[in-house]
Amino acid sequence: MNSGKPLPITKRMVWEAYKLVKKGKAAGVDGQSLEDFAGDLENHLYRLWNRFRKLLPATSAAGRDS
């Protein structure tokens, strides 16, 4: 099933990205530490996933090359 979006952002992709950031010990641009972020990890990752999912432009089947 095609959602009509160029690349579906999965929860797994968000989780893997979080692990990469955590490995590098990087803080976010908002200054929130990884420890603070991890305090409510499930909610924060869900919010990120949901935001990414909504930001991707929808594409129509008619606009794609077959």
PDB file of N, CA and C in Angstrom:
ATOM      1  N   MET A   1       0.838  -1.181   0.000  1.00  0.00           N
ATOM      2  CA  MET A   1       0.000   0.000   0.000  1.00  0.00           C
ATOM      3  C   MET A   1       0.879   1.239   0.000  1.00  0.00           C
ATOM      4  N   ASN A   2       0.597   2.173  -0.872  1.00  0.00           N
ATOM      5  CA  ASN A   2       1.377   3.393  -0.990  1.00  0.00           C
ATOM      6  C   ASN A   2       0.628   4.536  -0.332  1.00  0.00           C
ATOM      7  N   SER A   3       1.274   5.227   0.588  1.00  0.00           N
ATOM      8  CA  SER A   3       0.635   6.333   1.297  1.00  0.00           C
ATOM      9  C   SER A   3       0.606   7.593   0.453  1.00  0.00           C
ATOM     10  N   GLY A   4       1.255   7.581  -0.721  1.00  0.00           N
ATOM     11  CA  GLY A   4       1.290   8.745  -1.564  1.00  0.00           C
ATOM     12  C   GLY A   4       2.396   9.719  -1.190  1.00  0.00           C
ATOM     13  N   LYS A   5       3.211   9.366  -0.235  1.00  0.00           N
ATOM     14  CA  LYS A   5       4.310  10.226   0.189  1.00  0.00           C
ATOM     15  C   LYS A   5       5.612   9.635  -0.330  1.00  0.00           C
ATOM     16  N   PRO A   6       6.599  10.498  -0.614  1.00  0.00           N
ATOM     17  CA  PRO A   6       7.829  10.016  -1.232  1.00  0.00           C
ATOM     18  C   PRO A   6       8.599   9.021  -0.373  1.00  0.00           C
ATOM     19  N   LEU A   7       8.617   9.197   0.928  1.00  0.00           N
ATOM     20  CA  LEU A   7       9.315   8.290   1.825  1.00  0.00           C
ATOM     21  C   LEU A   7       8.557   8.243   3.138  1.00  0.00           C
ATOM     22  N   PRO A   8       7.911   7.130   3.438  1.00  0.00           N
ATOM     23  CA  PRO A   8       7.201   7.072   4.711  1.00  0.00           C
ATOM     24  C   PRO A   8       8.193   7.092   5.873  1.00  0.00           C
ATOM     25  N   ILE A   9       7.943   7.945   6.831  1.00  0.00           N
ATOM     26  CA  ILE A   9       8.770   8.001   8.027  1.00  0.00           C
ATOM     27  C   ILE A   9       8.159   7.028   9.032  1.00  0.00           C
ATOM     28  N   THR A  10       8.907   5.983   9.328  1.00  0.00           N
ATOM     29  CA  THR A  10       8.407   4.975  10.253  1.00  0.00           C
ATOM     30  C   THR A  10       8.884   5.277  11.671  1.00  0.00           C
ATOM     31  N   LYS A  11       8.206   4.708  12.624  1.00  0.00           N
ATOM     32  CA  LYS A  11       8.629   4.859  14.011  1.00  0.00           C
ATOM     33  C   LYS A  11      10.014   4.241  14.208  1.00  0.00           C
ATOM     34  N   ARG A  12      10.299   3.186  13.469  1.00  0.00           N
ATOM     35  CA  ARG A  12      11.610   2.545  13.541  1.00  0.00           C
ATOM     36  C   ARG A  12      12.706   3.515  13.073  1.00  0.00           C
ATOM     37  N   MET A  13      12.439   4.274  12.028  1.00  0.00           N
ATOM     38  CA  MET A  13      13.407   5.236  11.523  1.00  0.00           C
ATOM     39  C   MET A  13      13.695   6.315  12.568  1.00  0.00           C
ATOM     40  N   VAL A  14      12.665   6.774  13.253  1.00  0.00           N
ATOM     41  CA  VAL A  14      12.848   7.788  14.300  1.00  0.00           C
ATOM     42  C   VAL A  14      13.668   7.208  15.444  1.00  0.00           C
ATOM     43  N   TRP A  15      13.378   5.972  15.823  1.00  0.00           N
ATOM     44  CA  TRP A  15      14.116   5.308  16.902  1.00  0.00           C
ATOM     45  C   TRP A  15      15.592   5.158  16.536  1.00  0.00           C
ATOM     46  N   GLU A  16      15.861   4.716  15.314  1.00  0.00           N
ATOM     47  CA  GLU A  16      17.246   4.539  14.874  1.00  0.00           C
ATOM     48  C   GLU A  16      17.980   5.878  14.835  1.00  0.00           C
ATOM     49  N   ALA A  17      17.311   6.930  14.418  1.00  0.00           N
ATOM     50  CA  ALA A  17      17.924   8.265  14.395  1.00  0.00           C
ATOM     51  C   ALA A  17      18.243   8.721  15.817  1.00  0.00           C
ATOM     52  N   TYR A  18      17.331   8.462  16.755  1.00  0.00           N
ATOM     53  CA  TYR A  18      17.583   8.812  18.152  1.00  0.00           C
ATOM     54  C   TYR A  18      18.830   8.088  18.670  1.00  0.00           C
ATOM     55  N   LYS A  19      18.946   6.805  18.344  1.00  0.00           N
ATOM     56  CA  LYS A  19      20.107   6.051  18.811  1.00  0.00           C
ATOM     57  C   LYS A  19      21.404   6.622  18.243  1.00  0.00           C
ATOM     58  N   LEU A  20      21.387   7.087  16.991  1.00  0.00           N
ATOM     59  CA  LEU A  20      22.577   7.686  16.394  1.00  0.00           C
ATOM     60  C   LEU A  20      22.943   9.000  17.088  1.00  0.00           C
ATOM     61  N   VAL A  21      21.940   9.797  17.399  1.00  0.00           N
ATOM     62  CA  VAL A  21      22.193  11.055  18.100  1.00  0.00           C
ATOM     63  C   VAL A  21      22.728  10.775  19.500  1.00  0.00           C
ATOM     64  N   LYS A  22      22.114   9.811  20.161  1.00  0.00           N
ATOM     65  CA  LYS A  22      22.546   9.460  21.523  1.00  0.00           C
ATOM     66  C   LYS A  22      23.989   8.971  21.518  1.00  0.00           C
ATOM     67  N   LYS A  23      24.342   8.207  20.524  1.00  0.00           N
ATOM     68  CA  LYS A  23      25.702   7.673  20.413  1.00  0.00           C
ATOM     69  C   LYS A  23      26.718   8.810  20.292  1.00  0.00           C
ATOM     70  N   GLY A  24      26.343   9.882  19.595  1.00  0.00           N
ATOM     71  CA  GLY A  24      27.219  11.031  19.417  1.00  0.00           C
ATOM     72  C   GLY A  24      27.127  12.038  20.553  1.00  0.00           C
ATOM     73  N   LYS A  25      26.248  11.777  21.513  1.00  0.00           N
ATOM     74  CA  LYS A  25      26.059  12.653  22.677  1.00  0.00           C
ATOM     75  C   LYS A  25      25.691  14.089  22.286  1.00  0.00           C
ATOM     76  N   ALA A  26      25.002  14.253  21.184  1.00  0.00           N
ATOM     77  CA  ALA A  26      24.625  15.583  20.715  1.00  0.00           C
ATOM     78  C   ALA A  26      23.350  16.062  21.398  1.00  0.00           C
ATOM     79  N   ALA A  27      23.329  17.339  21.687  1.00  0.00           N
ATOM     80  CA  ALA A  27      22.107  17.959  22.209  1.00  0.00           C
ATOM     81  C   ALA A  27      21.325  18.540  21.041  1.00  0.00           C
ATOM     82  N   GLY A  28      20.033  18.734  21.241  1.00  0.00           N
ATOM     83  CA  GLY A  28      19.209  19.308  20.190  1.00  0.00           C
ATOM     84  C   GLY A  28      19.433  20.803  20.043  1.00  0.00           C
ATOM     85  N   VAL A  29      18.927  21.352  18.955  1.00  0.00           N
ATOM     86  CA  VAL A  29      19.071  22.785  18.722  1.00  0.00           C
ATOM     87  C   VAL A  29      18.304  23.600  19.760  1.00  0.00           C
ATOM     88  N   ASP A  30      17.356  22.954  20.428  1.00  0.00           N
ATOM     89  CA  ASP A  30      16.593  23.654  21.460  1.00  0.00           C
ATOM     90  C   ASP A  30      17.305  23.644  22.806  1.00  0.00           C
ATOM     91  N   GLY A  31      18.470  23.019  22.862  1.00  0.00           N
ATOM     92  CA  GLY A  31      19.243  22.990  24.094  1.00  0.00           C
ATOM     93  C   GLY A  31      18.825  21.914  25.081  1.00  0.00           C
ATOM     94  N   GLN A  32      17.836  21.118  24.726  1.00  0.00           N
ATOM     95  CA  GLN A  32      17.389  20.046  25.616  1.00  0.00           C
ATOM     96  C   GLN A  32      18.435  18.939  25.627  1.00  0.00           C
ATOM     97  N   SER A  33      18.810  18.498  26.805  1.00  0.00           N
ATOM     98  CA  SER A  33      19.806  17.435  26.905  1.00  0.00           C
ATOM     99  C   SER A  33      19.182  16.089  26.561  1.00  0.00           C
ATOM    100  N   LEU A  34      20.041  15.147  26.201  1.00  0.00           N
ATOM    101  CA  LEU A  34      19.550  13.797  25.919  1.00  0.00           C
ATOM    102  C   LEU A  34      18.934  13.166  27.165  1.00  0.00           C
ATOM    103  N   GLU A  35      19.464  13.492  28.330  1.00  0.00           N
ATOM    104  CA  GLU A  35      18.906  12.953  29.570  1.00  0.00           C
ATOM    105  C   GLU A  35      17.486  13.457  29.788  1.00  0.00           C
ATOM    106  N   ASP A  36      17.258  14.747  29.539  1.00  0.00           N
ATOM    107  CA  ASP A  36      15.909  15.300  29.665  1.00  0.00           C
ATOM    108  C   ASP A  36      14.973  14.678  28.633  1.00  0.00           C
ATOM    109  N   PHE A  37      15.470  14.548  27.411  1.00  0.00           N
ATOM    110  CA  PHE A  37      14.671  13.963  26.331  1.00  0.00           C
ATOM    111  C   PHE A  37      14.290  12.533  26.681  1.00  0.00           C
ATOM    112  N   ALA A  38      15.239  11.782  27.226  1.00  0.00           N
ATOM    113  CA  ALA A  38      14.998  10.381  27.562  1.00  0.00           C
ATOM    114  C   ALA A  38      14.020  10.231  28.728  1.00  0.00           C
ATOM    115  N   GLY A  39      13.843  11.296  29.508  1.00  0.00           N
ATOM    116  CA  GLY A  39      12.908  11.245  30.630  1.00  0.00           C
ATOM    117  C   GLY A  39      11.482  10.941  30.206  1.00  0.00           C
ATOM    118  N   ASP A  40      11.115  11.312  28.986  1.00  0.00           N
ATOM    119  CA  ASP A  40       9.784  11.023  28.435  1.00  0.00           C
ATOM    120  C   ASP A  40       9.970  10.554  26.993  1.00  0.00           C
ATOM    121  N   LEU A  41      10.853   9.588  26.823  1.00  0.00           N
ATOM    122  CA  LEU A  41      11.309   9.157  25.501  1.00  0.00           C
ATOM    123  C   LEU A  41      10.181   8.756  24.571  1.00  0.00           C
ATOM    124  N   GLU A  42       9.292   7.904  25.028  1.00  0.00           N
ATOM    125  CA  GLU A  42       8.234   7.409  24.149  1.00  0.00           C
ATOM    126  C   GLU A  42       7.385   8.559  23.603  1.00  0.00           C
ATOM    127  N   ASN A  43       7.018   9.483  24.464  1.00  0.00           N
ATOM    128  CA  ASN A  43       6.210  10.624  24.032  1.00  0.00           C
ATOM    129  C   ASN A  43       6.994  11.525  23.079  1.00  0.00           C
ATOM    130  N   HIS A  44       8.243  11.804  23.399  1.00  0.00           N
ATOM    131  CA  HIS A  44       9.055  12.663  22.540  1.00  0.00           C
ATOM    132  C   HIS A  44       9.265  12.042  21.162  1.00  0.00           C
ATOM    133  N   LEU A  45       9.567  10.761  21.106  1.00  0.00           N
ATOM    134  CA  LEU A  45       9.780  10.104  19.814  1.00  0.00           C
ATOM    135  C   LEU A  45       8.491  10.062  19.004  1.00  0.00           C
ATOM    136  N   TYR A  46       7.369   9.842  19.681  1.00  0.00           N
ATOM    137  CA  TYR A  46       6.081   9.838  18.976  1.00  0.00           C
ATOM    138  C   TYR A  46       5.810  11.213  18.384  1.00  0.00           C
ATOM    139  N   ARG A  47       6.066  12.270  19.148  1.00  0.00           N
ATOM    140  CA  ARG A  47       5.838  13.621  18.659  1.00  0.00           C
ATOM    141  C   ARG A  47       6.724  13.939  17.454  1.00  0.00           C
ATOM    142  N   LEU A  48       7.985  13.509  17.500  1.00  0.00           N
ATOM    143  CA  LEU A  48       8.880  13.703  16.359  1.00  0.00           C
ATOM    144  C   LEU A  48       8.382  12.964  15.123  1.00  0.00           C
ATOM    145  N   TRP A  49       8.035  11.706  15.330  1.00  0.00           N
ATOM    146  CA  TRP A  49       7.534  10.883  14.217  1.00  0.00           C
ATOM    147  C   TRP A  49       6.299  11.526  13.600  1.00  0.00           C
ATOM    148  N   ASN A  50       5.385  11.960  14.431  1.00  0.00           N
ATOM    149  CA  ASN A  50       4.141  12.548  13.955  1.00  0.00           C
ATOM    150  C   ASN A  50       4.416  13.851  13.200  1.00  0.00           C
ATOM    151  N   ARG A  51       5.335  14.656  13.709  1.00  0.00           N
ATOM    152  CA  ARG A  51       5.680  15.917  13.047  1.00  0.00           C
ATOM    153  C   ARG A  51       6.325  15.651  11.680  1.00  0.00           C
ATOM    154  N   PHE A  52       7.271  14.726  11.613  1.00  0.00           N
ATOM    155  CA  PHE A  52       7.898  14.392  10.332  1.00  0.00           C
ATOM    156  C   PHE A  52       6.876  13.863   9.335  1.00  0.00           C
ATOM    157  N   ARG A  53       6.004  13.021   9.827  1.00  0.00           N
ATOM    158  CA  ARG A  53       4.986  12.400   8.975  1.00  0.00           C
ATOM    159  C   ARG A  53       4.104  13.471   8.344  1.00  0.00           C
ATOM    160  N   LYS A  54       3.742  14.480   9.117  1.00  0.00           N
ATOM    161  CA  LYS A  54       2.871  15.546   8.611  1.00  0.00           C
ATOM    162  C   LYS A  54       3.603  16.518   7.693  1.00  0.00           C
ATOM    163  N   LEU A  55       4.914  16.661   7.865  1.00  0.00           N
ATOM    164  CA  LEU A  55       5.672  17.617   7.061  1.00  0.00           C
ATOM    165  C   LEU A  55       5.959  17.145   5.654  1.00  0.00           C
ATOM    166  N   LEU A  56       6.000  15.831   5.457  1.00  0.00           N
ATOM    167  CA  LEU A  56       6.296  15.314   4.121  1.00  0.00           C
ATOM    168  C   LEU A  56       5.172  15.673   3.167  1.00  0.00           C
ATOM    169  N   PRO A  57       5.517  16.211   2.017  1.00  0.00           N
ATOM    170  CA  PRO A  57       4.467  16.586   1.064  1.00  0.00           C
ATOM    171  C   PRO A  57       3.792  15.343   0.487  1.00  0.00           C
ATOM    172  N   ALA A  58       2.507  15.417   0.373  1.00  0.00           N
ATOM    173  CA  ALA A  58       1.763  14.321  -0.251  1.00  0.00           C
ATOM    174  C   ALA A  58       1.936  14.437  -1.765  1.00  0.00           C
ATOM    175  N   THR A  59       2.092  13.311  -2.425  1.00  0.00           N
ATOM    176  CA  THR A  59       2.186  13.312  -3.884  1.00  0.00           C
ATOM    177  C   THR A  59       1.056  12.487  -4.444  1.00  0.00           C
ATOM    178  N   SER A  60       0.557  12.898  -5.553  1.00  0.00           N
ATOM    179  CA  SER A  60      -0.536  12.153  -6.162  1.00  0.00           C
ATOM    180  C   SER A  60       0.029  11.103  -7.109  1.00  0.00           C
ATOM    181  N   ALA A  61      -0.732  10.066  -7.334  1.00  0.00           N
ATOM    182  CA  ALA A  61      -0.317   8.999  -8.243  1.00  0.00           C
ATOM    183  C   ALA A  61      -0.192   9.549  -9.670  1.00  0.00           C
ATOM    184  N   ALA A  62      -0.986  10.535 -10.014  1.00  0.00           N
ATOM    185  CA  ALA A  62      -0.954  11.100 -11.365  1.00  0.00           C
ATOM    186  C   ALA A  62       0.350  11.860 -11.615  1.00  0.00           C
ATOM    187  N   GLY A  63       0.983  12.351 -10.561  1.00  0.00           N
ATOM    188  CA  GLY A  63       2.191  13.131 -10.723  1.00  0.00           C
ATOM    189  C   GLY A  63       3.470  12.312 -10.789  1.00  0.00           C
ATOM    190  N   ARG A  64       3.356  11.004 -10.648  1.00  0.00           N
ATOM    191  CA  ARG A  64       4.527  10.127 -10.673  1.00  0.00           C
ATOM    192  C   ARG A  64       4.704   9.478 -12.025  1.00  0.00           C
ATOM    193  N   ASP A  65       5.947   9.233 -12.390  1.00  0.00           N
ATOM    194  CA  ASP A  65       6.227   8.491 -13.621  1.00  0.00           C
ATOM    195  C   ASP A  65       5.971   7.019 -13.372  1.00  0.00           C
ATOM    196  N   SER A  66       5.398   6.370 -14.334  1.00  0.00           N
ATOM    197  CA  SER A  66       5.106   4.935 -14.177  1.00  0.00           C
ATOM    198  C   SER A  66       6.238   4.095 -14.677  1.00  0.00           C
TER     199      SER A  66
END
